[in-house]
């Protein structure tokens, strides 16, 4: 039962979903942070969901299935460090393209552009680190989300991000614990991933948004 809950939590807190969760929080809970510049939040959030989660996930899943032909959970979990290298670098490349399009073609607001670029940097750093250690992408993305909310809450106190921050902290802590419980990562993997996500997200906010 506990293992099933851990797996379920890992699905709903998939690293590629973090941009969607963050932008949904900003669009519908704290729109003061991204205004002006977001007049079509629903369509923009759908575009973010498709380009930062669904498309890269489908591509990686299909390409890995054609190569290894295992069940879905085995494909998306990528249990070994070596299995993660190529998918992570593909996702990094895809995120760079998406960030370029949002910044230069779609004229997204400066805050959204910086946040998306920071997510891309987190993925790139995790991808490079994966060459040496099985970094927890869940920890990096979750702590990246935490760092963004902390930084934006400090810069925009009128947005009242304390409640979302507490919820995110609790959920992220449970998910990182779940990754350890099901044996997907060692504590060092989680520590490195958490450090990458938290440091990059805080620096992005305090240097480029402050």
N, C-alpha and C. Protein backbone atom coordinates (compact mmCIF):
# COMPACT_ATOMS: atom_id res chain seq x y z
N UNK A 1 0.82 -1.20 0.00
CA UNK A 1 0.00 0.00 0.00
C UNK A 1 0.86 1.26 0.00
N UNK A 2 1.86 1.29 0.89
CA UNK A 2 2.74 2.46 0.96
C UNK A 2 3.51 2.62 -0.33
N UNK A 3 3.97 1.50 -0.89
CA UNK A 3 4.72 1.56 -2.14
C UNK A 3 3.84 2.08 -3.28
N UNK A 4 2.59 1.68 -3.31
CA UNK A 4 1.68 2.16 -4.35
C UNK A 4 1.46 3.66 -4.22
N UNK A 5 1.30 4.12 -2.99
CA UNK A 5 1.14 5.57 -2.78
C UNK A 5 2.40 6.31 -3.20
N UNK A 6 3.56 5.72 -2.94
CA UNK A 6 4.82 6.35 -3.33
C UNK A 6 4.92 6.46 -4.84
N UNK A 7 4.52 5.41 -5.54
CA UNK A 7 4.55 5.42 -7.00
C UNK A 7 3.54 6.44 -7.53
N UNK A 8 2.35 6.48 -6.93
CA UNK A 8 1.32 7.42 -7.36
C UNK A 8 1.79 8.86 -7.16
N UNK A 9 2.43 9.13 -6.02
CA UNK A 9 2.95 10.47 -5.77
C UNK A 9 4.02 10.84 -6.77
N UNK A 10 4.82 9.87 -7.18
CA UNK A 10 5.87 10.12 -8.17
C UNK A 10 5.26 10.49 -9.52
N UNK A 11 4.11 9.90 -9.83
CA UNK A 11 3.45 10.20 -11.10
C UNK A 11 2.93 11.63 -11.10
N UNK A 12 2.24 12.03 -10.03
CA UNK A 12 1.63 13.36 -9.98
C UNK A 12 2.66 14.47 -9.77
N UNK A 13 3.82 14.10 -9.26
CA UNK A 13 4.88 15.10 -9.06
C UNK A 13 6.02 14.85 -10.05
N UNK A 14 5.68 14.39 -11.24
CA UNK A 14 6.69 14.16 -12.27
C UNK A 14 7.47 15.45 -12.52
N UNK A 15 8.80 15.37 -12.66
CA UNK A 15 9.61 16.58 -12.84
C UNK A 15 9.14 17.49 -13.97
N UNK A 16 8.66 16.90 -15.05
CA UNK A 16 8.24 17.71 -16.20
C UNK A 16 6.94 18.46 -15.94
N UNK A 17 6.23 18.12 -14.88
CA UNK A 17 4.99 18.82 -14.54
C UNK A 17 5.23 20.09 -13.73
N UNK A 18 6.43 20.27 -13.22
CA UNK A 18 6.69 21.41 -12.34
C UNK A 18 6.47 22.77 -12.99
N UNK A 19 6.89 22.98 -14.26
CA UNK A 19 6.57 24.26 -14.88
C UNK A 19 5.07 24.52 -14.96
N UNK A 20 4.30 23.50 -15.28
CA UNK A 20 2.84 23.66 -15.37
C UNK A 20 2.27 24.03 -14.01
N UNK A 21 2.73 23.36 -12.95
CA UNK A 21 2.24 23.67 -11.61
C UNK A 21 2.60 25.10 -11.20
N UNK A 22 3.83 25.50 -11.49
CA UNK A 22 4.26 26.84 -11.10
C UNK A 22 3.46 27.90 -11.84
N UNK A 23 3.32 27.76 -13.15
CA UNK A 23 2.60 28.77 -13.92
C UNK A 23 1.12 28.78 -13.61
N UNK A 24 0.54 27.62 -13.30
CA UNK A 24 -0.86 27.58 -12.87
C UNK A 24 -1.02 28.35 -11.56
N UNK A 25 -0.08 28.18 -10.65
CA UNK A 25 -0.10 28.91 -9.38
C UNK A 25 -0.05 30.42 -9.62
N UNK A 26 0.82 30.84 -10.53
CA UNK A 26 0.97 32.27 -10.79
C UNK A 26 -0.23 32.83 -11.53
N UNK A 27 -0.76 32.10 -12.49
CA UNK A 27 -1.88 32.60 -13.30
C UNK A 27 -3.16 32.74 -12.48
N UNK A 28 -3.43 31.76 -11.61
CA UNK A 28 -4.75 31.71 -10.97
C UNK A 28 -4.73 32.06 -9.47
N UNK A 29 -3.56 31.99 -8.85
CA UNK A 29 -3.48 32.33 -7.43
C UNK A 29 -2.79 33.67 -7.20
N UNK A 30 -1.75 33.95 -7.98
CA UNK A 30 -0.98 35.19 -7.79
C UNK A 30 -0.75 35.88 -9.12
N UNK A 31 -1.83 36.26 -9.82
CA UNK A 31 -1.66 36.88 -11.15
C UNK A 31 -0.93 38.22 -11.11
N UNK A 32 -0.86 38.84 -9.93
CA UNK A 32 -0.18 40.13 -9.82
C UNK A 32 1.30 40.01 -10.21
N UNK A 33 1.86 38.82 -10.09
CA UNK A 33 3.27 38.62 -10.39
C UNK A 33 3.53 38.63 -11.89
N UNK A 34 2.60 38.12 -12.68
CA UNK A 34 2.84 37.97 -14.12
C UNK A 34 2.09 39.00 -14.96
N UNK A 35 1.36 39.89 -14.35
CA UNK A 35 0.69 40.96 -15.09
C UNK A 35 1.54 42.22 -15.07
N UNK A 36 1.51 43.03 -16.18
CA UNK A 36 0.79 42.76 -17.44
C UNK A 36 1.53 41.74 -18.29
N UNK A 37 0.88 41.26 -19.32
CA UNK A 37 1.54 40.35 -20.24
C UNK A 37 0.88 38.99 -20.35
N UNK A 38 -0.12 38.71 -19.48
CA UNK A 38 -0.82 37.43 -19.56
C UNK A 38 -2.32 37.71 -19.64
N UNK A 39 -2.81 37.82 -20.87
CA UNK A 39 -4.23 38.08 -21.07
C UNK A 39 -4.98 36.81 -21.44
N UNK A 40 -4.26 35.78 -21.82
CA UNK A 40 -4.88 34.50 -22.22
C UNK A 40 -4.26 33.37 -21.42
N UNK A 41 -4.46 33.39 -20.11
CA UNK A 41 -3.80 32.45 -19.20
C UNK A 41 -4.14 31.00 -19.53
N UNK A 42 -5.40 30.72 -19.88
CA UNK A 42 -5.80 29.35 -20.14
C UNK A 42 -5.03 28.74 -21.31
N UNK A 43 -4.94 29.49 -22.41
CA UNK A 43 -4.24 28.99 -23.59
C UNK A 43 -2.74 28.91 -23.35
N UNK A 44 -2.21 29.87 -22.62
CA UNK A 44 -0.78 29.86 -22.33
C UNK A 44 -0.42 28.68 -21.44
N UNK A 45 -1.26 28.40 -20.45
CA UNK A 45 -0.99 27.26 -19.57
C UNK A 45 -1.09 25.95 -20.35
N UNK A 46 -2.03 25.86 -21.26
CA UNK A 46 -2.15 24.66 -22.10
C UNK A 46 -0.89 24.49 -22.95
N UNK A 47 -0.39 25.59 -23.51
CA UNK A 47 0.83 25.54 -24.32
C UNK A 47 2.01 25.08 -23.48
N UNK A 48 2.09 25.57 -22.25
CA UNK A 48 3.17 25.18 -21.35
C UNK A 48 3.07 23.69 -21.01
N UNK A 49 1.86 23.23 -20.73
CA UNK A 49 1.65 21.81 -20.41
C UNK A 49 2.06 20.92 -21.58
N UNK A 50 1.67 21.30 -22.78
CA UNK A 50 1.98 20.49 -23.96
C UNK A 50 3.48 20.47 -24.27
N UNK A 51 4.10 21.64 -24.19
CA UNK A 51 5.49 21.75 -24.64
C UNK A 51 6.51 21.36 -23.58
N UNK A 52 6.16 21.48 -22.30
CA UNK A 52 7.13 21.14 -21.25
C UNK A 52 6.85 19.80 -20.58
N UNK A 53 5.70 19.21 -20.85
CA UNK A 53 5.39 17.91 -20.24
C UNK A 53 4.98 16.86 -21.27
N UNK A 54 3.86 17.07 -21.93
CA UNK A 54 3.27 16.00 -22.72
C UNK A 54 4.13 15.60 -23.91
N UNK A 55 4.55 16.57 -24.71
CA UNK A 55 5.33 16.24 -25.92
C UNK A 55 6.67 15.58 -25.58
N UNK A 56 7.49 16.17 -24.69
CA UNK A 56 8.76 15.47 -24.37
C UNK A 56 8.55 14.12 -23.71
N UNK A 57 7.51 13.99 -22.87
CA UNK A 57 7.25 12.70 -22.22
C UNK A 57 6.86 11.64 -23.24
N UNK A 58 5.99 12.01 -24.17
CA UNK A 58 5.55 11.06 -25.20
C UNK A 58 6.72 10.66 -26.08
N UNK A 59 7.54 11.62 -26.47
CA UNK A 59 8.68 11.32 -27.33
C UNK A 59 9.65 10.35 -26.64
N UNK A 60 10.00 10.66 -25.40
CA UNK A 60 10.94 9.81 -24.67
C UNK A 60 10.35 8.43 -24.46
N UNK A 61 9.07 8.35 -24.11
CA UNK A 61 8.43 7.07 -23.87
C UNK A 61 8.41 6.21 -25.13
N UNK A 62 7.98 6.81 -26.23
CA UNK A 62 7.90 6.06 -27.49
C UNK A 62 9.28 5.63 -27.97
N UNK A 63 10.24 6.54 -27.92
CA UNK A 63 11.58 6.20 -28.39
C UNK A 63 12.21 5.10 -27.54
N UNK A 64 12.01 5.16 -26.23
CA UNK A 64 12.57 4.12 -25.36
C UNK A 64 11.84 2.79 -25.56
N UNK A 65 10.53 2.84 -25.81
CA UNK A 65 9.79 1.60 -26.04
C UNK A 65 10.29 0.90 -27.30
N UNK A 66 10.58 1.69 -28.32
CA UNK A 66 11.07 1.10 -29.57
C UNK A 66 12.42 0.44 -29.38
N UNK A 67 13.18 0.92 -28.38
CA UNK A 67 14.52 0.38 -28.15
C UNK A 67 14.50 -0.80 -27.18
N UNK A 68 13.84 -0.61 -26.02
CA UNK A 68 13.94 -1.64 -24.99
C UNK A 68 12.69 -2.51 -24.86
N UNK A 69 11.54 -2.02 -25.34
CA UNK A 69 10.29 -2.80 -25.37
C UNK A 69 9.96 -3.42 -24.01
N UNK A 70 9.89 -2.57 -23.00
CA UNK A 70 9.47 -3.02 -21.68
C UNK A 70 8.14 -2.37 -21.34
N UNK A 71 7.62 -2.67 -20.14
CA UNK A 71 6.36 -2.07 -19.74
C UNK A 71 6.54 -0.58 -19.46
N UNK A 72 5.41 0.12 -19.38
CA UNK A 72 5.44 1.58 -19.29
C UNK A 72 6.22 2.08 -18.09
N UNK A 73 5.98 1.47 -16.92
CA UNK A 73 6.67 1.93 -15.71
C UNK A 73 8.17 1.74 -15.81
N UNK A 74 8.60 0.66 -16.41
CA UNK A 74 10.03 0.43 -16.58
C UNK A 74 10.63 1.45 -17.53
N UNK A 75 9.84 1.88 -18.52
CA UNK A 75 10.33 2.84 -19.49
C UNK A 75 10.51 4.22 -18.87
N UNK A 76 9.50 4.69 -18.14
CA UNK A 76 9.56 6.06 -17.62
C UNK A 76 10.41 6.17 -16.35
N UNK A 77 10.61 5.07 -15.65
CA UNK A 77 11.37 5.15 -14.39
C UNK A 77 12.87 5.26 -14.64
N UNK A 78 13.35 4.69 -15.75
CA UNK A 78 14.77 4.73 -16.09
C UNK A 78 15.63 4.40 -14.87
N UNK A 79 15.63 3.14 -14.44
CA UNK A 79 16.24 2.76 -13.17
C UNK A 79 17.75 2.95 -13.07
N UNK A 80 18.47 2.95 -14.20
CA UNK A 80 19.92 3.11 -14.12
C UNK A 80 20.34 4.49 -14.60
N UNK A 81 21.50 4.93 -14.13
CA UNK A 81 22.01 6.25 -14.54
C UNK A 81 22.24 6.30 -16.04
N UNK A 82 22.76 5.22 -16.61
CA UNK A 82 23.08 5.20 -18.03
C UNK A 82 21.83 5.39 -18.90
N UNK A 83 20.70 4.85 -18.44
CA UNK A 83 19.46 4.97 -19.21
C UNK A 83 18.94 6.40 -19.24
N UNK A 84 19.38 7.22 -18.30
CA UNK A 84 18.85 8.57 -18.19
C UNK A 84 19.58 9.59 -19.06
N UNK A 85 20.78 9.28 -19.46
CA UNK A 85 21.63 10.29 -20.10
C UNK A 85 21.00 10.85 -21.38
N UNK A 86 20.70 10.00 -22.34
CA UNK A 86 20.15 10.48 -23.61
C UNK A 86 18.77 11.14 -23.44
N UNK A 87 17.83 10.52 -22.72
CA UNK A 87 16.54 11.20 -22.52
C UNK A 87 16.67 12.56 -21.86
N UNK A 88 17.55 12.66 -20.85
CA UNK A 88 17.73 13.94 -20.16
C UNK A 88 18.29 15.00 -21.11
N UNK A 89 19.24 14.61 -21.93
CA UNK A 89 19.81 15.60 -22.85
C UNK A 89 18.82 15.98 -23.95
N UNK A 90 17.98 15.04 -24.37
CA UNK A 90 16.93 15.39 -25.33
C UNK A 90 15.96 16.40 -24.71
N UNK A 91 15.54 16.12 -23.48
CA UNK A 91 14.61 17.02 -22.81
C UNK A 91 15.25 18.40 -22.62
N UNK A 92 16.53 18.44 -22.31
CA UNK A 92 17.24 19.72 -22.18
C UNK A 92 17.18 20.49 -23.49
N UNK A 93 17.46 19.81 -24.60
CA UNK A 93 17.41 20.45 -25.91
C UNK A 93 16.01 20.95 -26.22
N UNK A 94 15.01 20.12 -25.92
CA UNK A 94 13.63 20.51 -26.18
C UNK A 94 13.24 21.73 -25.36
N UNK A 95 13.65 21.76 -24.09
CA UNK A 95 13.34 22.91 -23.24
C UNK A 95 14.03 24.17 -23.74
N UNK A 96 15.23 24.04 -24.26
CA UNK A 96 15.92 25.21 -24.81
C UNK A 96 15.16 25.78 -26.01
N UNK A 97 14.65 24.90 -26.85
CA UNK A 97 13.87 25.35 -28.00
C UNK A 97 12.58 26.02 -27.55
N UNK A 98 11.89 25.40 -26.59
CA UNK A 98 10.64 25.96 -26.09
C UNK A 98 10.88 27.33 -25.44
N UNK A 99 11.95 27.44 -24.66
CA UNK A 99 12.27 28.72 -24.02
C UNK A 99 12.53 29.79 -25.07
N UNK A 100 13.28 29.45 -26.10
CA UNK A 100 13.55 30.40 -27.19
C UNK A 100 12.25 30.87 -27.83
N UNK A 101 11.34 29.94 -28.09
CA UNK A 101 10.07 30.30 -28.73
C UNK A 101 9.24 31.21 -27.83
N UNK A 102 9.19 30.89 -26.54
CA UNK A 102 8.39 31.70 -25.62
C UNK A 102 8.97 33.10 -25.48
N UNK A 103 10.28 33.20 -25.47
CA UNK A 103 10.92 34.51 -25.25
C UNK A 103 10.89 35.36 -26.51
N UNK A 104 11.22 34.77 -27.65
CA UNK A 104 11.42 35.57 -28.86
C UNK A 104 10.27 35.51 -29.85
N UNK A 105 9.44 34.49 -29.79
CA UNK A 105 8.34 34.37 -30.74
C UNK A 105 6.99 34.68 -30.13
N UNK A 106 6.78 34.24 -28.88
CA UNK A 106 5.48 34.44 -28.25
C UNK A 106 5.43 35.68 -27.37
N UNK A 107 6.59 36.32 -27.19
CA UNK A 107 6.67 37.55 -26.39
C UNK A 107 6.05 37.36 -25.00
N UNK A 108 6.43 36.29 -24.32
CA UNK A 108 5.94 36.05 -22.97
C UNK A 108 6.45 37.14 -22.03
N UNK A 109 5.76 37.32 -20.91
CA UNK A 109 6.17 38.34 -19.95
C UNK A 109 7.57 38.02 -19.43
N UNK A 110 8.34 39.05 -19.00
CA UNK A 110 9.71 38.81 -18.53
C UNK A 110 9.79 37.79 -17.40
N UNK A 111 8.85 37.84 -16.47
CA UNK A 111 8.88 36.90 -15.34
C UNK A 111 8.72 35.46 -15.84
N UNK A 112 7.76 35.23 -16.72
CA UNK A 112 7.55 33.88 -17.24
C UNK A 112 8.77 33.40 -18.02
N UNK A 113 9.37 34.30 -18.81
CA UNK A 113 10.54 33.93 -19.59
C UNK A 113 11.70 33.52 -18.69
N UNK A 114 11.90 34.27 -17.62
CA UNK A 114 13.00 33.98 -16.69
C UNK A 114 12.76 32.65 -15.98
N UNK A 115 11.53 32.42 -15.55
CA UNK A 115 11.22 31.17 -14.84
C UNK A 115 11.39 29.97 -15.75
N UNK A 116 10.92 30.08 -16.99
CA UNK A 116 11.06 28.97 -17.92
C UNK A 116 12.53 28.73 -18.26
N UNK A 117 13.29 29.80 -18.43
CA UNK A 117 14.72 29.67 -18.69
C UNK A 117 15.43 29.02 -17.51
N UNK A 118 15.02 29.37 -16.30
CA UNK A 118 15.64 28.77 -15.11
C UNK A 118 15.32 27.28 -15.02
N UNK A 119 14.08 26.90 -15.34
CA UNK A 119 13.74 25.48 -15.37
C UNK A 119 14.64 24.75 -16.37
N UNK A 120 14.88 25.40 -17.52
CA UNK A 120 15.74 24.80 -18.54
C UNK A 120 17.15 24.62 -18.02
N UNK A 121 17.67 25.60 -17.31
CA UNK A 121 19.01 25.50 -16.74
C UNK A 121 19.08 24.36 -15.73
N UNK A 122 18.04 24.23 -14.91
CA UNK A 122 18.01 23.12 -13.94
C UNK A 122 18.10 21.78 -14.66
N UNK A 123 17.34 21.63 -15.74
CA UNK A 123 17.36 20.36 -16.48
C UNK A 123 18.72 20.12 -17.10
N UNK A 124 19.33 21.17 -17.64
CA UNK A 124 20.65 21.02 -18.25
C UNK A 124 21.68 20.59 -17.22
N UNK A 125 21.68 21.24 -16.05
CA UNK A 125 22.65 20.90 -15.01
C UNK A 125 22.42 19.47 -14.51
N UNK A 126 21.16 19.09 -14.34
CA UNK A 126 20.86 17.72 -13.93
C UNK A 126 21.35 16.73 -14.99
N UNK A 127 21.18 17.07 -16.25
CA UNK A 127 21.61 16.19 -17.33
C UNK A 127 23.12 16.00 -17.31
N UNK A 128 23.85 17.08 -17.10
CA UNK A 128 25.31 16.99 -17.04
C UNK A 128 25.73 16.19 -15.82
N UNK A 129 25.09 16.46 -14.67
CA UNK A 129 25.43 15.74 -13.45
C UNK A 129 25.13 14.26 -13.57
N UNK A 130 24.15 13.90 -14.41
CA UNK A 130 23.78 12.50 -14.59
C UNK A 130 24.90 11.70 -15.24
N UNK A 131 25.82 12.37 -15.87
CA UNK A 131 26.98 11.68 -16.43
C UNK A 131 27.85 11.07 -15.33
N UNK A 132 27.71 11.58 -14.11
CA UNK A 132 28.58 11.15 -13.02
C UNK A 132 27.83 10.51 -11.85
N UNK A 133 26.56 10.90 -11.66
CA UNK A 133 25.80 10.41 -10.52
C UNK A 133 24.33 10.37 -10.91
N UNK A 134 23.59 9.45 -10.32
CA UNK A 134 22.17 9.31 -10.63
C UNK A 134 21.36 10.36 -9.86
N UNK A 135 21.45 11.59 -10.33
CA UNK A 135 20.79 12.71 -9.65
C UNK A 135 19.27 12.51 -9.68
N UNK A 136 18.62 12.87 -8.59
CA UNK A 136 17.17 12.78 -8.52
C UNK A 136 16.54 13.98 -9.22
N UNK A 137 15.95 13.75 -10.38
CA UNK A 137 15.27 14.82 -11.10
C UNK A 137 14.05 15.30 -10.33
N UNK A 138 13.42 14.38 -9.57
CA UNK A 138 12.28 14.76 -8.74
C UNK A 138 12.70 15.79 -7.70
N UNK A 139 13.83 15.55 -7.05
CA UNK A 139 14.31 16.48 -6.03
C UNK A 139 14.68 17.82 -6.64
N UNK A 140 15.35 17.78 -7.81
CA UNK A 140 15.76 19.02 -8.46
C UNK A 140 14.56 19.86 -8.87
N UNK A 141 13.55 19.22 -9.46
CA UNK A 141 12.38 19.97 -9.92
C UNK A 141 11.52 20.44 -8.74
N UNK A 142 11.35 19.58 -7.74
CA UNK A 142 10.54 19.95 -6.57
C UNK A 142 11.18 21.11 -5.81
N UNK A 143 12.49 21.00 -5.58
CA UNK A 143 13.17 22.08 -4.85
C UNK A 143 13.32 23.32 -5.72
N UNK A 144 13.35 23.13 -7.04
CA UNK A 144 13.30 24.28 -7.93
C UNK A 144 11.99 25.02 -7.76
N UNK A 145 10.90 24.27 -7.71
CA UNK A 145 9.58 24.88 -7.48
C UNK A 145 9.55 25.60 -6.14
N UNK A 146 10.11 24.97 -5.12
CA UNK A 146 10.17 25.60 -3.79
C UNK A 146 10.96 26.91 -3.86
N UNK A 147 12.12 26.86 -4.52
CA UNK A 147 12.95 28.06 -4.62
C UNK A 147 12.25 29.19 -5.35
N UNK A 148 11.54 28.87 -6.43
CA UNK A 148 10.81 29.89 -7.17
C UNK A 148 9.74 30.54 -6.29
N UNK A 149 9.00 29.73 -5.55
CA UNK A 149 7.93 30.26 -4.71
C UNK A 149 8.51 31.10 -3.57
N UNK A 150 9.62 30.65 -2.97
CA UNK A 150 10.26 31.43 -1.91
C UNK A 150 10.74 32.77 -2.46
N UNK A 151 11.44 32.74 -3.60
CA UNK A 151 11.96 33.96 -4.19
C UNK A 151 10.87 34.92 -4.61
N UNK A 152 9.85 34.42 -5.29
CA UNK A 152 8.76 35.27 -5.74
C UNK A 152 7.96 35.80 -4.56
N UNK A 153 7.82 34.98 -3.52
CA UNK A 153 7.12 35.45 -2.32
C UNK A 153 7.86 36.58 -1.64
N UNK A 154 9.21 36.51 -1.66
CA UNK A 154 10.01 37.58 -1.07
C UNK A 154 9.94 38.86 -1.90
N UNK A 155 9.93 38.70 -3.23
CA UNK A 155 9.89 39.86 -4.12
C UNK A 155 8.50 40.46 -4.26
N UNK A 156 7.48 39.63 -4.09
CA UNK A 156 6.09 40.09 -4.21
C UNK A 156 5.31 39.66 -2.97
N UNK A 157 5.57 40.29 -1.83
CA UNK A 157 4.88 39.88 -0.59
C UNK A 157 3.36 40.03 -0.67
N UNK A 158 2.90 40.91 -1.55
CA UNK A 158 1.46 41.11 -1.70
C UNK A 158 0.78 39.91 -2.34
N UNK A 159 1.55 38.98 -2.88
CA UNK A 159 0.97 37.79 -3.53
C UNK A 159 0.57 36.72 -2.52
N UNK A 160 1.03 36.83 -1.28
CA UNK A 160 0.66 35.89 -0.21
C UNK A 160 0.92 34.43 -0.61
N UNK A 161 2.17 34.11 -0.86
CA UNK A 161 2.54 32.77 -1.31
C UNK A 161 2.90 31.82 -0.16
N UNK A 162 2.64 32.22 1.08
CA UNK A 162 3.02 31.39 2.22
C UNK A 162 2.25 30.07 2.21
N UNK A 163 0.95 30.14 2.03
CA UNK A 163 0.14 28.91 2.04
C UNK A 163 0.55 27.94 0.93
N UNK A 164 0.67 28.40 -0.33
CA UNK A 164 1.15 27.48 -1.37
C UNK A 164 2.53 26.91 -1.05
N UNK A 165 3.40 27.73 -0.46
CA UNK A 165 4.75 27.27 -0.12
C UNK A 165 4.71 26.12 0.88
N UNK A 166 3.88 26.25 1.91
CA UNK A 166 3.77 25.19 2.91
C UNK A 166 3.27 23.90 2.27
N UNK A 167 2.27 24.01 1.40
CA UNK A 167 1.73 22.83 0.73
C UNK A 167 2.79 22.18 -0.15
N UNK A 168 3.52 22.99 -0.90
CA UNK A 168 4.56 22.47 -1.80
C UNK A 168 5.67 21.81 -0.99
N UNK A 169 6.04 22.41 0.12
CA UNK A 169 7.08 21.83 0.98
C UNK A 169 6.67 20.45 1.48
N UNK A 170 5.43 20.34 1.93
CA UNK A 170 4.95 19.05 2.44
C UNK A 170 4.92 17.99 1.35
N UNK A 171 4.36 18.35 0.20
CA UNK A 171 4.25 17.39 -0.90
C UNK A 171 5.63 17.00 -1.41
N UNK A 172 6.51 17.98 -1.56
CA UNK A 172 7.86 17.70 -2.06
C UNK A 172 8.62 16.79 -1.10
N UNK A 173 8.47 17.06 0.20
CA UNK A 173 9.13 16.22 1.19
C UNK A 173 8.64 14.78 1.12
N UNK A 174 7.33 14.62 0.93
CA UNK A 174 6.76 13.27 0.81
C UNK A 174 7.26 12.57 -0.44
N UNK A 175 7.32 13.31 -1.55
CA UNK A 175 7.76 12.71 -2.81
C UNK A 175 9.23 12.30 -2.73
N UNK A 176 10.08 13.17 -2.18
CA UNK A 176 11.50 12.82 -2.06
C UNK A 176 11.69 11.62 -1.12
N UNK A 177 10.90 11.58 -0.07
CA UNK A 177 10.95 10.42 0.82
C UNK A 177 10.49 9.16 0.10
N UNK A 178 9.48 9.32 -0.76
CA UNK A 178 8.96 8.19 -1.52
C UNK A 178 10.01 7.66 -2.48
N UNK A 179 10.77 8.56 -3.10
CA UNK A 179 11.82 8.12 -4.03
C UNK A 179 12.87 7.29 -3.29
N UNK A 180 13.16 7.68 -2.08
CA UNK A 180 14.10 6.90 -1.27
C UNK A 180 13.48 5.57 -0.84
N UNK A 181 12.21 5.61 -0.48
CA UNK A 181 11.53 4.42 0.03
C UNK A 181 11.46 3.32 -1.03
N UNK A 182 11.13 3.70 -2.28
CA UNK A 182 10.99 2.68 -3.32
C UNK A 182 12.34 2.30 -3.93
N UNK A 183 13.42 2.91 -3.43
CA UNK A 183 14.75 2.53 -3.85
C UNK A 183 15.21 3.12 -5.16
N UNK A 184 14.54 4.17 -5.63
CA UNK A 184 14.94 4.78 -6.90
C UNK A 184 16.23 5.58 -6.77
N UNK A 185 16.49 6.09 -5.55
CA UNK A 185 17.66 6.93 -5.35
C UNK A 185 18.28 6.68 -3.99
N UNK A 186 19.55 7.10 -3.88
CA UNK A 186 20.25 7.12 -2.61
C UNK A 186 20.15 8.54 -2.04
N UNK A 187 20.40 8.71 -0.75
CA UNK A 187 20.33 10.06 -0.15
C UNK A 187 21.19 11.09 -0.87
N UNK A 188 22.37 10.70 -1.36
CA UNK A 188 23.24 11.64 -2.04
C UNK A 188 22.61 12.13 -3.34
N UNK A 189 21.86 11.25 -4.02
CA UNK A 189 21.17 11.63 -5.26
C UNK A 189 20.13 12.71 -4.98
N UNK A 190 19.40 12.52 -3.90
CA UNK A 190 18.36 13.48 -3.51
C UNK A 190 18.99 14.80 -3.07
N UNK A 191 20.09 14.71 -2.31
CA UNK A 191 20.76 15.92 -1.83
C UNK A 191 21.31 16.75 -2.98
N UNK A 192 21.95 16.09 -3.94
CA UNK A 192 22.51 16.81 -5.09
C UNK A 192 21.39 17.44 -5.92
N UNK A 193 20.35 16.67 -6.18
CA UNK A 193 19.23 17.20 -6.95
C UNK A 193 18.56 18.38 -6.26
N UNK A 194 18.35 18.26 -4.96
CA UNK A 194 17.72 19.35 -4.20
C UNK A 194 18.57 20.61 -4.26
N UNK A 195 19.87 20.45 -4.12
CA UNK A 195 20.77 21.60 -4.14
C UNK A 195 20.74 22.29 -5.50
N UNK A 196 20.76 21.50 -6.57
CA UNK A 196 20.72 22.08 -7.92
C UNK A 196 19.45 22.89 -8.12
N UNK A 197 18.31 22.29 -7.80
CA UNK A 197 17.04 22.97 -8.01
C UNK A 197 16.89 24.22 -7.17
N UNK A 198 17.24 24.14 -5.89
CA UNK A 198 17.05 25.26 -4.99
C UNK A 198 17.99 26.43 -5.32
N UNK A 199 19.25 26.12 -5.57
CA UNK A 199 20.23 27.18 -5.85
C UNK A 199 19.90 27.91 -7.14
N UNK A 200 19.63 27.18 -8.20
CA UNK A 200 19.37 27.81 -9.50
C UNK A 200 18.09 28.63 -9.47
N UNK A 201 17.05 28.11 -8.84
CA UNK A 201 15.78 28.84 -8.80
C UNK A 201 15.89 30.13 -7.99
N UNK A 202 16.56 30.06 -6.84
CA UNK A 202 16.72 31.26 -6.02
C UNK A 202 17.57 32.30 -6.72
N UNK A 203 18.67 31.86 -7.34
CA UNK A 203 19.54 32.80 -8.07
C UNK A 203 18.78 33.46 -9.22
N UNK A 204 17.97 32.68 -9.93
CA UNK A 204 17.22 33.21 -11.07
C UNK A 204 16.28 34.33 -10.63
N UNK A 205 15.60 34.10 -9.51
CA UNK A 205 14.64 35.11 -9.03
C UNK A 205 15.35 36.34 -8.49
N UNK A 206 16.33 36.13 -7.62
CA UNK A 206 16.97 37.26 -6.95
C UNK A 206 17.91 38.06 -7.84
N UNK A 207 18.42 37.43 -8.92
CA UNK A 207 19.31 38.16 -9.81
C UNK A 207 18.55 38.80 -10.97
N UNK A 208 17.60 38.07 -11.56
CA UNK A 208 16.97 38.54 -12.79
C UNK A 208 15.56 39.13 -12.59
N UNK A 209 14.91 38.81 -11.48
CA UNK A 209 13.56 39.34 -11.25
C UNK A 209 13.56 40.41 -10.19
N UNK A 210 14.51 40.36 -9.28
CA UNK A 210 14.55 41.35 -8.18
C UNK A 210 14.65 42.76 -8.72
